[in-house]
Protein backbone atom coordinates (compact mmCIF):
# COMPACT_ATOMS: atom_id res chain seq x y z
CA ARG A 1 9.31 2.56 -14.20
CA GLU A 2 10.65 -0.53 -15.97
CA ARG A 3 10.95 -2.34 -12.64
CA GLN A 4 7.42 -1.33 -11.69
CA VAL A 5 6.05 -2.65 -15.00
CA LEU A 6 8.06 -5.85 -14.62
CA ILE A 7 6.77 -6.56 -11.11
CA SER A 8 3.19 -5.75 -12.09
CA TRP A 9 3.46 -8.07 -15.08
CA PHE A 10 4.75 -10.88 -12.88
CA GLN A 11 1.84 -10.33 -10.48
CA THR A 12 -0.93 -10.29 -13.09
CA GLU A 13 -2.21 -12.47 -15.87
CA SER A 14 -1.99 -10.01 -18.75
CA LYS A 15 -0.39 -6.87 -20.04
CA GLU A 16 -3.83 -5.27 -20.17
CA LEU A 17 -4.16 -5.66 -16.41
CA VAL A 18 -0.72 -4.11 -15.94
CA ALA A 19 -1.70 -1.17 -18.11
CA ASN A 20 -4.92 -0.64 -16.16
CA ARG A 21 -3.14 -0.95 -12.81
CA LEU A 22 -0.43 1.57 -13.74
CA PHE A 23 -2.63 3.90 -15.83
CA ILE A 24 -0.55 3.43 -18.97
CA THR A 25 -1.24 1.86 -22.35
CA VAL A 26 -0.51 -1.71 -23.35
CA GLY A 27 1.93 -0.26 -25.88
CA THR A 28 3.87 1.38 -23.06
CA VAL A 29 3.93 -1.90 -21.15
CA ASN A 30 5.31 -3.62 -24.24
CA THR A 31 7.92 -0.90 -24.71
CA HIS A 32 9.19 -1.30 -21.15
CA LEU A 33 9.34 -5.09 -21.49
CA LYS A 34 11.20 -4.81 -24.81
CA ARG A 35 13.75 -2.48 -23.20
CA ILE A 36 14.26 -4.88 -20.30
CA ARG A 37 14.73 -7.82 -22.67
CA ALA A 38 17.15 -5.77 -24.81
CA LYS A 39 19.26 -4.96 -21.75
CA TYR A 40 19.50 -8.64 -20.82
CA ALA A 41 20.32 -9.61 -24.41
CA ALA A 42 23.04 -6.94 -24.57
CA ALA A 43 24.53 -8.40 -21.39
CA GLY A 44 24.63 -11.83 -23.01
CA ARG A 45 21.78 -13.15 -20.85
CA PRO A 46 18.70 -13.28 -23.07
CA ALA A 47 15.30 -13.63 -21.44
CA SER A 48 12.73 -14.30 -24.13
CA THR A 49 9.95 -15.69 -21.92
CA LYS A 50 8.11 -14.44 -18.87
CA ALA A 51 9.59 -17.28 -16.82
CA SER A 52 13.12 -16.42 -17.88
CA LEU A 53 12.55 -12.77 -17.00
CA VAL A 54 11.36 -13.81 -13.54
CA ALA A 55 14.50 -15.90 -13.09
CA ARG A 56 16.81 -13.11 -14.26
CA ALA A 57 15.10 -10.52 -12.07
CA ILE A 58 15.47 -12.72 -8.99
CA GLN A 59 19.08 -13.61 -9.84
CA ASP A 60 19.94 -9.93 -10.23
CA TRP A 61 18.14 -8.89 -7.01
CA LEU A 62 15.73 -6.67 -8.95
CA ILE A 63 12.86 -8.40 -7.18
CA SER A 64 12.44 -10.80 -4.33
CA PRO A 65 10.27 -13.91 -4.46
CA SER A 66 7.91 -12.26 -1.97
CA GLU A 67 7.08 -9.60 -4.59
CA LEU A 68 5.64 -12.20 -6.91
C-alpha cells in the first residue's frame, strides 16, 4: 500500500487528492509517507522532500518515470 500511496502522491497535487483517490484519510496518507521516509533514513539515504522521494523511488526501481 505504501507504493500505491507514493505513486498516487507523485501523480497528484495534494495529499487530499490521494486520500480521495484511494478511499483513505489524509492521516493514513501521511502515515505511509512517514514510514517510507523512515525506511530511507534508516538506510542512510534520507528523502525529506517530494522531489527527493521521486528520485529515490526511481533509483530503487520502485517506480518508472512513465508512472509519474
